[in-house]
Amino acid sequence: MGMPVRFSDGLEKDVVSWLDKLQLPSHDTTFYVAGYIPMVVQTRKLLSQLGWKQVKAAGFWK
């Protein structure tokens, strides 16, 4: 799927662009986000702002 792993200058342009290209049906899509807690929180908020309702998150500090 080739998801970008970085944010551009603190903005979510890469992730938003990637999600737009996927054209996933929101009713059949669940995102699983795992990683460093601040990044997980930011990614989860972004997905929520974009209208995605099914987001499962797990974070770690180190």
Protein backbone atom coordinates (compact mmCIF):
# COMPACT_ATOMS: atom_id res chain seq x y z
CA MET A 1 0.00 0.00 0.00
CA GLY A 2 3.00 2.29 0.34
CA MET A 3 1.92 4.55 3.20
CA PRO A 4 4.30 7.47 3.76
CA VAL A 5 5.98 7.33 7.15
CA ARG A 6 6.71 11.02 7.63
CA PHE A 7 4.83 14.26 8.00
CA SER A 8 5.81 17.20 5.77
CA ASP A 9 6.84 20.22 7.85
CA GLY A 10 4.48 19.19 10.62
CA LEU A 11 1.55 18.96 8.21
CA GLU A 12 -0.29 15.80 7.27
CA LYS A 13 -0.12 16.32 3.50
CA ASP A 14 1.51 12.96 2.79
CA VAL A 15 -0.99 10.97 4.84
CA VAL A 16 -4.03 12.84 3.49
CA SER A 17 -2.77 12.38 -0.08
CA TRP A 18 -2.21 8.67 0.54
CA LEU A 19 -5.73 8.21 1.97
CA ASP A 20 -7.28 10.06 -0.98
CA LYS A 21 -5.50 7.78 -3.45
CA LEU A 22 -6.72 4.62 -1.69
CA GLN A 23 -10.42 5.52 -2.07
CA LEU A 24 -11.48 3.19 0.73
CA PRO A 25 -15.16 2.76 1.68
CA SER A 26 -15.50 4.27 5.18
CA HIS A 27 -18.12 1.73 6.31
CA ASP A 28 -15.80 -1.23 5.56
CA THR A 29 -12.50 0.24 6.76
CA THR A 30 -10.82 -0.01 10.16
CA PHE A 31 -7.46 1.65 10.78
CA TYR A 32 -5.02 0.12 13.26
CA VAL A 33 -2.50 2.71 14.43
CA ALA A 34 0.47 1.66 16.56
CA GLY A 35 3.70 3.32 17.53
CA TYR A 36 5.15 6.17 19.54
CA ILE A 37 2.27 7.67 21.56
CA PRO A 38 2.50 11.30 20.32
CA MET A 39 2.46 10.10 16.70
CA VAL A 40 -0.42 7.70 17.37
CA VAL A 41 -2.47 10.51 18.96
CA GLN A 42 -1.76 12.86 16.04
CA THR A 43 -2.59 10.20 13.44
CA ARG A 44 -5.78 9.19 15.23
CA LYS A 45 -6.94 12.84 15.42
CA LEU A 46 -6.19 13.30 11.72
CA LEU A 47 -8.21 10.21 10.75
CA SER A 48 -11.08 11.41 12.93
CA GLN A 49 -11.01 14.87 11.31
CA LEU A 50 -11.16 13.20 7.89
CA GLY A 51 -14.34 11.39 8.94
CA TRP A 52 -13.00 7.91 9.65
CA LYS A 53 -14.91 6.40 12.57
CA GLN A 54 -13.22 3.03 13.04
CA VAL A 55 -9.73 3.69 14.41
CA LYS A 56 -8.00 1.33 16.84
CA ALA A 57 -4.90 2.69 18.56
CA ALA A 58 -2.05 1.29 20.64
CA GLY A 59 0.98 3.30 21.70
CA PHE A 60 4.29 2.90 23.44
CA TRP A 61 6.83 5.32 24.89
CA LYS A 62 10.09 3.75 23.74
